[in-house]
């Protein structure tokens, strides 16, 4: 019984390998950047474990023996879920491994840009010691914070923000009113960007959200407002964001994720002191990484043993091979 870890060559795979070893499964490792490379590396494999490798109809047609694709993460936008459903392939993710980490990271980034922490740090190290050297700072208790996407992480962020900011508003078209916490006011997408002084993005990347946050929507925000994204880079149109930041419309931006990672070395936002970055690390803590890697591999083990992964997002019909 074999599975392919599509894009793990050169990384530590000990946790995943041990999960599979205990189940009598052999793990192969690849460095697959294209569907053709996935096809070439996955001969004889029953399932795929992926980070960011693209997987779609071409793979499913070429490898009918593959019955499950398990992703290390919450989002699964590099997997063509419609093609998977059409081919009967299961898709699974890890929806709750790092909820607290991402929400805390987003909250820290929000406070960092609102309170000018990194700009003051740079000023002090450069020899400047003045409380207004980095610009003015609003009172958080007078601010409305907005949340785009009120799933597990969005709700946790809202809970963290409720005692620091004056009010919390949110937009999520997939939730009924009863799923909104009592302290969160439901608003439309346009109202979110018009009314919030600061917005944290927590939605999945799909056909509805790709480049959703573009220049037109960003210019609805109040002058001097703030934006943080720890969800998926493709939710923001980066060119549009760059133009809005360069125009001076936003006071601060925090980005953990980008459409292309790592950020190109010559990108203008890197030189802008109003923008802070982290390297797609919001998910990370020592414990969260262990949970993520264990659960992603366990999806495959559970599917092989029972015919169903632990955390399915696409219900498949392909069955595991008989040992």
Protein backbone atom coordinates (compact mmCIF):
# COMPACT_ATOMS: atom_id res chain seq x y z
CA UNK A 1 0.00 0.00 0.00
CA UNK A 2 1.59 3.29 -1.11
CA UNK A 3 0.76 7.00 -0.81
CA UNK A 4 2.56 9.99 -2.29
CA UNK A 5 3.46 13.09 -0.31
CA UNK A 6 3.52 15.23 -3.43
CA UNK A 7 5.65 18.21 -2.39
CA UNK A 8 7.70 17.27 0.65
CA UNK A 9 11.11 16.39 -0.78
CA UNK A 10 13.79 18.11 1.27
CA UNK A 11 11.48 18.62 4.25
CA UNK A 12 11.05 16.61 7.42
CA UNK A 13 8.47 13.89 6.84
CA UNK A 14 9.03 11.90 10.02
CA UNK A 15 5.62 12.56 11.58
CA UNK A 16 3.67 11.57 8.48
CA UNK A 17 5.94 8.61 7.80
CA UNK A 18 5.38 7.26 11.32
CA UNK A 19 1.59 7.58 11.05
CA UNK A 20 1.71 5.60 7.82
CA UNK A 21 4.26 3.06 9.13
CA UNK A 22 1.98 2.13 12.00
CA UNK A 23 -0.78 1.42 9.48
CA UNK A 24 1.48 -0.62 7.19
CA UNK A 25 1.54 2.05 4.46
CA UNK A 26 4.61 3.14 2.47
CA UNK A 27 5.07 6.89 1.96
CA UNK A 28 6.78 8.19 -1.17
CA UNK A 29 7.96 11.80 -1.36
CA UNK A 30 8.00 14.05 -4.40
CA UNK A 31 8.73 17.63 -5.41
CA UNK A 32 5.72 18.06 -7.67
CA UNK A 33 4.96 21.53 -9.04
CA UNK A 34 2.62 20.47 -11.87
CA UNK A 35 -0.09 17.90 -12.46
CA UNK A 36 2.19 16.06 -14.87
CA UNK A 37 4.80 15.71 -12.12
CA UNK A 38 2.13 14.44 -9.72
CA UNK A 39 1.08 11.84 -12.30
CA UNK A 40 4.66 10.72 -12.90
CA UNK A 41 5.43 10.35 -9.18
CA UNK A 42 2.18 8.69 -8.08
CA UNK A 43 2.19 5.41 -9.98
CA UNK A 44 0.68 2.69 -7.82
CA UNK A 45 -0.39 5.12 -5.07
CA UNK A 46 -3.81 4.93 -3.46
CA UNK A 47 -3.86 8.49 -2.11
CA UNK A 48 -2.10 11.86 -2.23
CA UNK A 49 -0.95 13.99 0.68
CA UNK A 50 -0.30 17.56 -0.48
CA UNK A 51 0.82 20.97 0.63
CA UNK A 52 0.40 23.10 -2.51
CA UNK A 53 0.76 20.78 -5.52
CA UNK A 54 -1.98 21.32 -8.13
CA UNK A 55 -4.31 18.33 -8.43
CA UNK A 56 -7.25 18.16 -10.79
CA UNK A 57 -9.04 16.31 -13.57
CA UNK A 58 -5.83 15.42 -15.40
CA UNK A 59 -4.49 13.58 -12.36
CA UNK A 60 -7.79 11.86 -11.60
CA UNK A 61 -8.10 10.60 -15.19
CA UNK A 62 -4.50 9.39 -15.39
CA UNK A 63 -4.51 7.73 -11.97
CA UNK A 64 -7.86 5.97 -11.39
CA UNK A 65 -6.25 4.14 -8.45
CA UNK A 66 -6.05 7.42 -6.48
CA UNK A 67 -9.14 7.67 -4.30
CA UNK A 68 -8.28 10.46 -1.85
CA UNK A 69 -6.40 13.74 -1.75
CA UNK A 70 -5.64 14.99 1.78
CA UNK A 71 -4.35 18.56 2.24
CA UNK A 72 -2.16 19.84 5.04
CA UNK A 73 -4.26 22.88 5.90
CA UNK A 74 -7.76 24.28 6.07
CA UNK A 75 -7.95 25.65 2.54
CA UNK A 76 -7.84 23.29 -0.45
CA UNK A 77 -7.84 25.70 -3.38
CA UNK A 78 -5.01 23.94 -5.25
CA UNK A 79 -7.30 20.91 -5.53
CA UNK A 80 -10.01 21.10 -8.19
CA UNK A 81 -12.86 20.00 -5.94
CA UNK A 82 -15.40 19.96 -8.77
CA UNK A 83 -13.20 17.66 -10.83
CA UNK A 84 -12.67 15.49 -7.76
CA UNK A 85 -16.41 15.18 -7.18
CA UNK A 86 -16.99 14.34 -10.85
CA UNK A 87 -14.31 11.63 -10.70
CA UNK A 88 -15.50 10.22 -7.39
CA UNK A 89 -12.30 11.22 -5.57
CA UNK A 90 -12.47 12.09 -1.88
CA UNK A 91 -10.94 15.38 -0.74
CA UNK A 92 -10.07 15.96 2.91
CA UNK A 93 -8.52 18.79 4.89
CA UNK A 94 -7.55 19.66 8.47
CA UNK A 95 -10.17 22.21 9.54
CA UNK A 96 -9.35 22.77 13.21
CA UNK A 97 -5.67 22.12 13.84
CA UNK A 98 -4.56 25.76 14.30
CA UNK A 99 -7.67 27.81 14.94
CA UNK A 100 -6.23 29.54 17.98
CA UNK A 101 -2.86 30.15 16.32
CA UNK A 102 -4.28 31.87 13.23
CA UNK A 103 -6.79 33.95 15.20
CA UNK A 104 -4.11 35.05 17.67
CA UNK A 105 -1.70 35.86 14.85
CA UNK A 106 -4.33 37.96 13.07
CA UNK A 107 -5.14 39.77 16.31
CA UNK A 108 -1.44 40.41 16.96
CA UNK A 109 -1.00 41.74 13.42
CA UNK A 110 -4.03 43.97 13.87
CA UNK A 111 -2.66 45.43 17.09
CA UNK A 112 0.76 45.73 15.48
CA UNK A 113 -0.47 47.94 12.63
CA UNK A 114 -2.94 49.92 14.75
CA UNK A 115 -0.36 50.59 17.48
CA UNK A 116 2.56 51.17 15.03
CA UNK A 117 4.72 48.64 16.88
CA UNK A 118 7.10 47.72 14.05
CA UNK A 119 7.50 51.33 12.92
CA UNK A 120 8.41 52.47 16.42
CA UNK A 121 10.82 49.56 16.72
CA UNK A 122 12.57 50.62 13.50
CA UNK A 123 12.71 54.25 14.64
CA UNK A 124 14.22 53.42 18.01
CA UNK A 125 16.86 51.20 16.41
CA UNK A 126 17.66 54.02 14.00
CA UNK A 127 18.19 56.45 16.89
CA UNK A 128 14.83 58.21 17.00
CA UNK A 129 13.02 58.36 20.36
CA UNK A 130 9.66 60.12 20.11
CA UNK A 131 6.13 58.91 20.68
CA UNK A 132 4.87 60.47 17.42
CA UNK A 133 7.77 59.40 15.20
CA UNK A 134 5.68 56.66 13.57
CA UNK A 135 2.55 58.74 13.17
CA UNK A 136 -0.66 59.08 15.11
CA UNK A 137 -2.42 56.19 16.83
CA UNK A 138 -6.21 55.81 17.21
CA UNK A 139 -7.86 54.54 20.39
CA UNK A 140 -8.84 50.93 19.76
CA UNK A 141 -11.87 51.20 22.05
CA UNK A 142 -13.32 53.77 19.65
CA UNK A 143 -12.83 51.57 16.59
CA UNK A 144 -15.12 49.12 14.80
CA UNK A 145 -13.34 45.97 13.74
CA UNK A 146 -14.73 43.94 10.84
CA UNK A 147 -14.39 40.23 10.11
CA UNK A 148 -14.68 38.84 6.57
CA UNK A 149 -15.56 35.16 7.02
CA UNK A 150 -16.98 34.01 10.33
CA UNK A 151 -15.93 30.37 10.45
CA UNK A 152 -13.90 28.77 13.23
CA UNK A 153 -11.00 31.22 12.95
CA UNK A 154 -13.15 34.28 12.25
CA UNK A 155 -15.26 33.58 15.33
CA UNK A 156 -12.14 33.12 17.48
CA UNK A 157 -10.71 36.40 16.17
CA UNK A 158 -14.00 38.17 16.92
CA UNK A 159 -13.91 36.80 20.46
CA UNK A 160 -10.38 38.14 20.95
CA UNK A 161 -11.29 41.51 19.47
CA UNK A 162 -14.52 42.11 21.37
CA UNK A 163 -12.83 43.32 24.59
CA UNK A 164 -10.27 45.52 22.81
CA UNK A 165 -12.22 47.23 20.05
CA UNK A 166 -15.42 49.17 20.48
CA UNK A 167 -17.60 46.92 18.33
CA UNK A 168 -17.36 43.92 16.01
CA UNK A 169 -19.15 43.53 12.68
CA UNK A 170 -18.88 40.66 10.21
CA UNK A 171 -19.89 39.43 6.78
CA UNK A 172 -20.38 35.75 5.95
CA UNK A 173 -23.03 34.79 3.39
CA UNK A 174 -22.80 31.11 4.31
CA UNK A 175 -24.01 31.47 7.90
CA UNK A 176 -27.53 31.87 9.18
CA UNK A 177 -28.24 34.66 11.66
CA UNK A 178 -28.26 32.21 14.55
CA UNK A 179 -24.62 31.33 13.88
CA UNK A 180 -23.49 34.90 14.51
CA UNK A 181 -22.36 35.49 18.12
CA UNK A 182 -24.55 37.97 19.98
CA UNK A 183 -21.72 40.51 20.14
CA UNK A 184 -21.14 40.46 16.35
CA UNK A 185 -23.37 42.58 14.09
CA UNK A 186 -24.14 41.09 10.69
CA UNK A 187 -23.55 43.40 7.73
CA UNK A 188 -23.32 43.17 3.94
CA UNK A 189 -19.97 43.01 2.18
CA UNK A 190 -20.18 46.66 1.19
CA UNK A 191 -21.21 47.73 4.70
CA UNK A 192 -18.30 45.80 6.17
CA UNK A 193 -15.79 47.83 4.16
CA UNK A 194 -17.64 51.11 4.66
CA UNK A 195 -18.21 50.83 8.41
CA UNK A 196 -15.14 49.05 9.79
CA UNK A 197 -12.06 50.95 10.90
CA UNK A 198 -10.06 47.73 10.62
CA UNK A 199 -10.80 44.45 8.81
CA UNK A 200 -9.41 40.96 9.32
CA UNK A 201 -9.89 38.46 6.48
CA UNK A 202 -10.81 34.86 7.38
CA UNK A 203 -12.54 33.35 4.35
CA UNK A 204 -11.59 30.42 2.13
CA UNK A 205 -10.25 30.95 -1.37
CA UNK A 206 -12.66 29.76 -4.06
CA UNK A 207 -14.34 31.04 -7.21
CA UNK A 208 -16.47 33.44 -5.17
CA UNK A 209 -13.62 34.95 -3.13
CA UNK A 210 -10.70 35.01 -5.56
CA UNK A 211 -9.56 38.66 -5.85
CA UNK A 212 -12.73 39.63 -3.96
CA UNK A 213 -10.92 42.33 -2.02
CA UNK A 214 -9.87 44.59 -4.85
CA UNK A 215 -9.26 48.29 -5.32
CA UNK A 216 -12.93 49.20 -5.66
CA UNK A 217 -13.86 47.53 -2.39
CA UNK A 218 -10.77 48.79 -0.55
CA UNK A 219 -11.57 52.39 -1.50
CA UNK A 220 -14.89 52.00 0.30
CA UNK A 221 -12.90 51.82 3.54
CA UNK A 222 -12.52 54.94 5.64
CA UNK A 223 -9.34 56.94 5.05
CA UNK A 224 -6.76 55.87 7.61
CA UNK A 225 -8.20 52.37 8.16
CA UNK A 226 -6.41 49.03 8.53
CA UNK A 227 -6.44 45.62 6.82
CA UNK A 228 -5.05 42.22 7.89
CA UNK A 229 -5.05 38.98 5.87
CA UNK A 230 -4.11 35.64 7.42
CA UNK A 231 -6.51 33.58 5.25
CA UNK A 232 -5.45 33.04 1.62
CA UNK A 233 -3.36 35.42 -0.46
CA UNK A 234 -5.58 35.16 -3.51
CA UNK A 235 -8.54 36.72 -1.71
CA UNK A 236 -6.84 40.10 -2.16
CA UNK A 237 -6.03 41.65 -5.53
CA UNK A 238 -2.46 42.59 -4.60
CA UNK A 239 -2.04 45.12 -7.40
CA UNK A 240 -5.19 46.89 -6.29
CA UNK A 241 -4.08 46.83 -2.65
CA UNK A 242 -0.69 48.25 -3.64
CA UNK A 243 -2.32 51.19 -5.42
CA UNK A 244 -4.60 51.89 -2.46
CA UNK A 245 -1.71 51.76 0.03
CA UNK A 246 0.49 53.97 -2.14
CA UNK A 247 -2.32 56.51 -2.39
CA UNK A 248 -2.23 56.87 1.41
CA UNK A 249 -5.81 55.66 1.85
CA UNK A 250 -4.86 52.92 4.35
CA UNK A 251 -2.91 53.56 7.54
CA UNK A 252 -1.66 50.02 8.01
CA UNK A 253 -1.72 46.55 6.46
CA UNK A 254 -0.66 43.16 7.81
CA UNK A 255 -0.11 40.29 5.36
CA UNK A 256 0.71 36.71 6.30
CA UNK A 257 -0.37 35.29 2.94
CA UNK A 258 0.16 36.44 -0.64
CA UNK A 259 -1.01 35.34 -4.10
CA UNK A 260 2.61 34.41 -4.93
CA UNK A 261 4.85 33.25 -2.10
CA UNK A 262 7.42 34.28 -1.12
CA UNK A 263 6.79 37.93 -1.90
CA UNK A 264 8.98 39.08 -4.83
CA UNK A 265 12.08 40.87 -3.55
CA UNK A 266 11.33 44.03 -5.55
CA UNK A 267 7.67 44.35 -4.56
CA UNK A 268 6.89 47.97 -3.55
CA UNK A 269 4.96 46.95 -0.43
CA UNK A 270 8.17 45.57 1.09
CA UNK A 271 9.58 49.08 1.30
CA UNK A 272 6.41 50.63 2.74
CA UNK A 273 6.62 51.10 6.53
CA UNK A 274 2.82 50.90 6.82
CA UNK A 275 2.86 47.26 5.70
CA UNK A 276 4.06 44.38 7.88
CA UNK A 277 4.61 40.81 6.73
CA UNK A 278 4.97 37.32 8.15
CA UNK A 279 5.95 34.27 6.03
CA UNK A 280 2.66 32.33 5.88
CA UNK A 281 3.26 31.45 9.51
CA UNK A 282 -0.04 32.31 11.19
CA UNK A 283 -0.87 28.60 11.47
CA UNK A 284 2.37 27.80 13.24
CA UNK A 285 3.11 26.67 16.73
CA UNK A 286 5.04 23.55 17.65
CA UNK A 287 1.83 21.86 18.78
CA UNK A 288 -0.23 23.03 15.80
CA UNK A 289 2.30 21.70 13.31
CA UNK A 290 2.23 18.27 14.93
CA UNK A 291 -1.58 18.29 14.90
CA UNK A 292 -1.68 19.36 11.25
CA UNK A 293 0.73 16.77 9.98
CA UNK A 294 -0.77 13.97 12.07
CA UNK A 295 -4.35 14.73 11.03
CA UNK A 296 -3.56 15.12 7.33
CA UNK A 297 -1.87 11.72 7.27
CA UNK A 298 -4.58 10.21 9.47
CA UNK A 299 -7.19 11.24 6.89
CA UNK A 300 -5.56 8.79 4.51
CA UNK A 301 -5.14 6.01 7.08
CA UNK A 302 -8.78 6.31 8.14
CA UNK A 303 -9.95 6.23 4.52
CA UNK A 304 -7.89 3.13 3.79
CA UNK A 305 -9.18 1.40 6.92
CA UNK A 306 -12.84 2.49 6.81
CA UNK A 307 -13.52 3.93 3.34
CA UNK A 308 -13.95 7.47 4.72
CA UNK A 309 -11.43 10.16 5.77
CA UNK A 310 -11.71 11.91 9.12
CA UNK A 311 -12.38 15.38 7.66
CA UNK A 312 -14.00 15.10 4.21
CA UNK A 313 -14.82 18.20 2.18
CA UNK A 314 -15.72 16.27 -0.99
CA UNK A 315 -17.59 12.99 -0.67
CA UNK A 316 -16.05 10.50 -3.06
CA UNK A 317 -17.04 7.12 -4.43
CA UNK A 318 -13.61 5.64 -5.11
CA UNK A 319 -12.79 2.92 -2.63
CA UNK A 320 -9.47 2.11 -0.99
CA UNK A 321 -7.54 -0.85 -2.34
CA UNK A 322 -7.87 -4.15 -0.59
CA UNK A 323 -4.70 -4.91 1.36
